[in-house]
Amino acid sequence: MKNTELQKIANKVRKGIISAVYSAKAGHPGGSLSAADMFTFLYFEEMNVNPENPDMENRDRFVLSKGHTAPGLYAALAYRGFFPIEDLNTLRHLGSYLQGHPCINIPGVDMSSGSLGQGVSTAVGMALAAKMDNKDFRTYTLLGDGEIQEGQVWEAAMFAGHRKLDNLCMIVDNNNLQIDGPVDEVCSPYPIDKKFEAFNFHVINIDAHDFDQIRNAFCEARKTKGKPTCIVMHSIKGKGVSFMENNAGWHGKAPNDEEYKTAMADLVKEGEELEKAGEE
């Protein structure tokens, strides 16, 4: 898929995130927006998935280890066709199947997640199971840079590296902000790349908002044999919404009416610019 098309889809995903969180009056827009380009690439180019058969046996698996950014995952799934787009506005509503963290009963969701550190452990188990069963599907998991302060993450990494799970790709959303402020001030995990390398990972650093770099990283990951891959994506928290960018206050807060209008205006403007660029 051309980068311009991916950018247009990512713009729609961001609009879906803002609309869902605004409708819910709760949720986590900051990290959802920082990972929107990655969600888009995974579901529209990288992974072998089928909305018409979401449980097909040999599909690639994805685990959202930083489960609070469910609005981003839900928006990508909706635009990919796993469930109706209009259902995004039922996020966190009583009786809705789209709650604040992913649940395995949602079409396209492979694992219930939310407790930080546990999702990545499950992803490692999925990758190991594929090896044991001689299956060729790949497993992907997205972690937050605040999440990797959890010790369980490194237990999972140690095991994955020891077992040489080259069918596993961990992705760290490194926007350097968590709910309490800058990650490096709260409890620094740096250098992230060197730590994963020490656990026998092949590590790739990329700009999280550059589709060429994202594509090249996954191509490199598929070619890497004998060890798992970790993609450290350097991102902007709140990407695409002017007043949310690089603002830890938008980790877990919904916009009010005026903020919603401003956020959507930012994204509509970006969408119009992308459409115009595509015509030139």
Protein backbone atom coordinates (compact mmCIF):
# COMPACT_ATOMS: atom_id res chain seq x y z
CA MET A 1 0.00 0.00 0.00
CA LYS A 2 1.27 3.50 -0.81
CA ASN A 3 2.37 5.65 2.10
CA THR A 4 -0.18 8.32 1.21
CA GLU A 5 -2.99 5.78 1.57
CA LEU A 6 -1.62 4.60 4.91
CA GLN A 7 -1.42 8.22 6.08
CA LYS A 8 -5.06 8.77 5.14
CA ILE A 9 -6.12 5.66 7.05
CA ALA A 10 -4.04 6.70 10.07
CA ASN A 11 -5.80 10.07 9.98
CA LYS A 12 -9.16 8.26 10.11
CA VAL A 13 -7.91 6.09 12.95
CA ARG A 14 -6.96 9.22 14.91
CA LYS A 15 -10.40 10.70 14.30
CA GLY A 16 -11.91 7.44 15.55
CA ILE A 17 -9.78 7.63 18.70
CA ILE A 18 -10.86 11.17 19.51
CA SER A 19 -14.53 10.50 18.77
CA ALA A 20 -14.53 7.33 20.89
CA VAL A 21 -12.83 8.89 23.91
CA TYR A 22 -15.01 12.00 23.68
CA SER A 23 -18.15 9.88 23.51
CA ALA A 24 -17.01 7.82 26.49
CA LYS A 25 -16.00 10.89 28.51
CA ALA A 26 -13.05 8.75 29.56
CA GLY A 27 -10.11 6.87 28.07
CA HIS A 28 -6.51 7.22 26.96
CA PRO A 29 -6.02 9.39 23.87
CA GLY A 30 -2.30 10.27 24.22
CA GLY A 31 -0.75 6.83 23.75
CA SER A 32 -3.46 5.76 21.32
CA LEU A 33 -2.56 8.68 19.04
CA SER A 34 1.20 8.05 19.33
CA ALA A 35 0.67 4.46 18.15
CA ALA A 36 -1.94 5.19 15.46
CA ASP A 37 0.52 4.89 12.57
CA MET A 38 1.78 1.56 13.92
CA PHE A 39 -1.77 0.22 14.38
CA THR A 40 -2.52 1.28 10.81
CA PHE A 41 0.53 -0.40 9.32
CA LEU A 42 0.03 -3.62 11.26
CA TYR A 43 -3.58 -4.12 10.23
CA PHE A 44 -3.49 -2.72 6.70
CA GLU A 45 -0.15 -4.03 5.45
CA GLU A 46 1.95 -6.14 7.79
CA MET A 47 -0.20 -8.79 9.42
CA ASN A 48 -1.94 -11.76 7.86
CA VAL A 49 -5.49 -11.21 9.16
CA ASN A 50 -8.94 -11.54 7.64
CA PRO A 51 -11.94 -9.55 8.98
CA GLU A 52 -14.28 -12.07 7.35
CA ASN A 53 -12.58 -14.91 9.23
CA PRO A 54 -11.04 -13.32 12.33
CA ASP A 55 -10.31 -16.66 13.99
CA MET A 56 -8.56 -18.34 11.06
CA GLU A 57 -6.01 -20.77 12.43
CA ASN A 58 -2.87 -19.44 10.76
CA ARG A 59 -3.54 -15.72 11.25
CA ASP A 60 -0.82 -13.52 12.70
CA ARG A 61 -1.42 -12.67 16.34
CA PHE A 62 -1.35 -9.26 18.00
CA VAL A 63 -1.40 -8.53 21.72
CA LEU A 64 -1.88 -4.96 22.94
CA SER A 65 0.24 -5.23 26.05
CA LYS A 66 -0.34 -1.55 26.88
CA GLY A 67 -4.04 -2.30 26.96
CA HIS A 68 -5.17 1.17 28.03
CA THR A 69 -4.57 2.38 24.46
CA ALA A 70 -7.51 0.24 23.32
CA PRO A 71 -9.12 3.20 21.50
CA GLY A 72 -6.29 3.07 18.96
CA LEU A 73 -6.60 -0.67 18.45
CA TYR A 74 -10.40 -0.47 18.20
CA ALA A 75 -10.24 2.29 15.59
CA ALA A 76 -7.81 0.31 13.45
CA LEU A 77 -9.93 -2.83 13.73
CA ALA A 78 -13.09 -0.93 12.84
CA TYR A 79 -11.60 0.68 9.74
CA ARG A 80 -10.13 -2.68 8.74
CA GLY A 81 -13.66 -4.11 8.79
CA PHE A 82 -13.73 -6.26 11.93
CA PHE A 83 -16.78 -4.45 13.31
CA PRO A 84 -18.88 -1.36 12.43
CA ILE A 85 -17.12 2.00 12.63
CA GLU A 86 -20.12 3.57 14.37
CA ASP A 87 -19.60 1.18 17.30
CA LEU A 88 -16.48 3.17 18.28
CA ASN A 89 -18.76 5.73 19.87
CA THR A 90 -20.02 3.10 22.32
CA LEU A 91 -16.58 2.92 23.96
CA ARG A 92 -16.90 2.25 27.70
CA HIS A 93 -20.70 2.56 27.57
CA LEU A 94 -22.79 0.24 29.68
CA GLY A 95 -23.49 -2.92 27.68
CA SER A 96 -20.96 -2.16 24.93
CA TYR A 97 -18.48 -4.83 23.90
CA LEU A 98 -15.84 -2.10 23.49
CA GLN A 99 -14.67 -1.51 27.03
CA GLY A 100 -11.63 0.34 28.35
CA HIS A 101 -9.23 -2.55 27.75
CA PRO A 102 -9.25 -5.16 24.96
CA CYS A 103 -11.28 -8.29 25.55
CA ILE A 104 -10.91 -11.52 23.60
CA ASN A 105 -14.61 -11.55 22.70
CA ILE A 106 -14.05 -8.57 20.35
CA PRO A 107 -13.57 -9.60 16.69
CA GLY A 108 -9.87 -9.31 15.84
CA VAL A 109 -8.64 -9.25 19.45
CA ASP A 110 -6.38 -12.20 20.27
CA MET A 111 -5.90 -11.59 23.99
CA SER A 112 -7.59 -9.74 26.83
CA SER A 113 -5.05 -7.28 28.20
CA GLY A 114 -4.63 -4.31 30.47
CA SER A 115 -2.50 -5.37 33.43
CA LEU A 116 0.87 -4.01 32.32
CA GLY A 117 3.55 -6.62 31.70
CA GLN A 118 1.14 -9.49 31.27
CA GLY A 119 0.29 -8.97 27.60
CA VAL A 120 3.87 -9.34 26.41
CA SER A 121 4.20 -12.54 28.45
CA THR A 122 1.17 -13.95 26.65
CA ALA A 123 2.61 -12.94 23.28
CA VAL A 124 5.81 -14.84 24.09
CA GLY A 125 3.68 -17.91 24.87
CA MET A 126 1.89 -17.58 21.53
CA ALA A 127 5.21 -17.41 19.69
CA LEU A 128 6.53 -20.44 21.55
CA ALA A 129 3.34 -22.38 20.78
CA ALA A 130 3.74 -21.62 17.08
CA LYS A 131 7.28 -23.01 17.18
CA MET A 132 6.18 -26.14 19.04
CA ASP A 133 3.28 -26.74 16.63
CA ASN A 134 5.34 -25.96 13.50
CA LYS A 135 3.03 -23.06 12.59
CA ASP A 136 4.32 -20.20 10.51
CA PHE A 137 2.25 -17.33 11.91
CA ARG A 138 4.01 -14.39 13.54
CA THR A 139 3.20 -12.75 16.86
CA TYR A 140 3.35 -9.01 17.48
CA THR A 141 2.95 -7.12 20.73
CA LEU A 142 2.94 -3.41 21.54
CA LEU A 143 4.33 -2.17 24.85
CA GLY A 144 4.52 1.28 26.40
CA ASP A 145 7.83 2.75 27.53
CA GLY A 146 6.30 3.22 30.98
CA GLU A 147 5.16 -0.38 30.91
CA ILE A 148 8.70 -1.67 30.53
CA GLN A 149 9.36 -0.48 34.08
CA GLU A 150 7.52 -3.71 35.00
CA GLY A 151 9.85 -6.57 35.91
CA GLN A 152 7.60 -9.12 34.21
CA VAL A 153 8.46 -7.55 30.85
CA TRP A 154 12.09 -8.48 31.30
CA GLU A 155 11.29 -12.01 32.43
CA ALA A 156 9.36 -12.42 29.17
CA ALA A 157 12.20 -10.89 27.18
CA MET A 158 14.77 -13.16 28.82
CA PHE A 159 12.68 -16.22 27.96
CA ALA A 160 12.02 -15.10 24.37
CA GLY A 161 15.68 -14.41 23.74
CA HIS A 162 16.76 -17.69 25.32
CA ARG A 163 14.29 -19.66 23.18
CA LYS A 164 15.34 -17.75 20.04
CA LEU A 165 11.75 -16.86 19.13
CA ASP A 166 12.39 -15.27 15.75
CA ASN A 167 8.65 -15.35 15.02
CA LEU A 168 8.10 -12.74 17.74
CA CYS A 169 8.22 -8.96 17.29
CA MET A 170 7.98 -6.70 20.32
CA ILE A 171 7.27 -3.03 19.66
CA VAL A 172 7.96 -0.35 22.27
CA ASP A 173 6.06 2.92 21.94
CA ASN A 174 8.74 5.29 23.17
CA ASN A 175 6.94 8.62 23.53
CA ASN A 176 8.82 9.28 26.81
CA LEU A 177 5.67 10.23 28.73
CA GLN A 178 3.63 8.25 31.23
CA ILE A 179 0.81 9.27 33.55
CA ASP A 180 3.21 10.73 36.14
CA GLY A 181 5.38 12.65 33.66
CA PRO A 182 8.56 12.02 31.63
CA VAL A 183 9.53 8.35 31.69
CA ASP A 184 13.19 9.12 32.24
CA GLU A 185 12.31 11.11 35.38
CA VAL A 186 9.78 8.66 36.85
CA CYS A 187 11.95 5.54 36.50
CA SER A 188 14.27 5.56 33.51
CA PRO A 189 14.30 2.45 31.30
CA TYR A 190 17.05 3.84 29.08
CA PRO A 191 18.91 2.72 27.07
CA ILE A 192 15.98 0.64 25.85
CA ASP A 193 17.77 -0.75 22.78
CA LYS A 194 20.84 -1.90 24.70
CA LYS A 195 18.71 -3.63 27.32
CA PHE A 196 16.83 -5.67 24.72
CA GLU A 197 20.08 -6.47 22.93
CA ALA A 198 21.39 -7.86 26.21
CA PHE A 199 18.42 -10.28 26.19
CA ASN A 200 19.43 -11.57 22.72
CA PHE A 201 17.04 -9.40 20.69
CA HIS A 202 17.65 -7.88 17.30
CA VAL A 203 16.78 -4.22 17.91
CA ILE A 204 15.66 -1.60 15.39
CA ASN A 205 15.14 2.10 16.24
CA ILE A 206 12.66 3.99 14.06
CA ASP A 207 10.59 7.15 13.74
CA ALA A 208 7.10 5.95 14.70
CA HIS A 209 5.46 8.32 12.21
CA ASP A 210 7.50 7.45 9.10
CA PHE A 211 5.87 4.64 7.12
CA ASP A 212 9.04 3.91 5.14
CA GLN A 213 10.93 3.29 8.37
CA ILE A 214 8.07 1.21 9.79
CA ARG A 215 7.92 -0.93 6.64
CA ASN A 216 11.69 -1.44 6.50
CA ALA A 217 11.76 -2.41 10.18
CA PHE A 218 9.18 -5.17 9.77
CA CYS A 219 10.93 -6.43 6.64
CA GLU A 220 14.17 -6.61 8.62
CA ALA A 221 12.37 -8.36 11.48
CA ARG A 222 11.01 -11.07 9.16
CA LYS A 223 14.49 -11.66 7.77
CA THR A 224 16.07 -11.95 11.23
CA LYS A 225 16.63 -15.57 12.24
CA GLY A 226 17.65 -17.09 15.56
CA LYS A 227 16.46 -14.26 17.78
CA PRO A 228 13.33 -12.18 18.41
CA THR A 229 13.11 -8.57 17.25
CA CYS A 230 12.31 -5.44 19.23
CA ILE A 231 11.30 -2.32 17.33
CA VAL A 232 11.76 0.80 19.45
CA MET A 233 9.52 3.38 17.84
CA HIS A 234 10.27 6.95 18.84
CA SER A 235 6.88 8.65 18.86
CA ILE A 236 5.04 11.81 19.85
CA LYS A 237 2.40 11.36 22.52
CA GLY A 238 -0.89 12.83 21.30
CA LYS A 239 0.39 12.90 17.70
CA GLY A 240 -1.92 14.80 15.35
CA VAL A 241 -3.76 16.92 17.90
CA SER A 242 -2.01 20.24 18.55
CA PHE A 243 -2.74 20.69 22.25
CA MET A 244 -2.25 17.00 23.11
CA GLU A 245 1.19 16.55 21.57
CA ASN A 246 3.98 15.93 24.11
CA ASN A 247 1.56 16.62 26.96
CA ALA A 248 1.46 14.02 29.73
CA GLY A 249 -1.86 15.46 30.91
CA TRP A 250 -3.53 13.72 27.97
CA HIS A 251 -2.38 10.27 29.00
CA GLY A 252 -5.79 9.37 30.37
CA LYS A 253 -8.28 12.20 29.93
CA ALA A 254 -11.18 12.83 27.56
CA PRO A 255 -11.59 16.19 25.78
CA ASN A 256 -14.46 18.49 26.69
CA ASP A 257 -16.74 19.96 24.01
CA GLU A 258 -14.39 22.76 22.95
CA GLU A 259 -11.31 20.55 23.06
CA TYR A 260 -13.12 17.95 20.97
CA LYS A 261 -13.93 20.55 18.32
CA THR A 262 -10.32 21.74 18.23
CA ALA A 263 -8.94 18.19 18.04
CA MET A 264 -11.27 17.20 15.22
CA ALA A 265 -10.50 20.44 13.37
CA ASP A 266 -6.79 19.59 13.55
CA LEU A 267 -7.42 16.12 12.15
CA VAL A 268 -9.87 17.29 9.48
CA LYS A 269 -7.29 19.82 8.30
CA GLU A 270 -4.63 17.11 8.15
CA GLY A 271 -7.00 14.87 6.21
CA GLU A 272 -7.71 17.62 3.69
CA GLU A 273 -3.99 18.25 3.24
CA LEU A 274 -3.41 14.53 2.64
CA GLU A 275 -6.19 14.46 0.05
CA LYS A 276 -4.76 17.50 -1.68
CA ALA A 277 -1.24 16.03 -1.68
CA GLY A 278 -2.61 12.84 -3.23
CA GLU A 279 -4.13 14.77 -6.09
CA GLU A 280 -0.90 16.55 -6.99
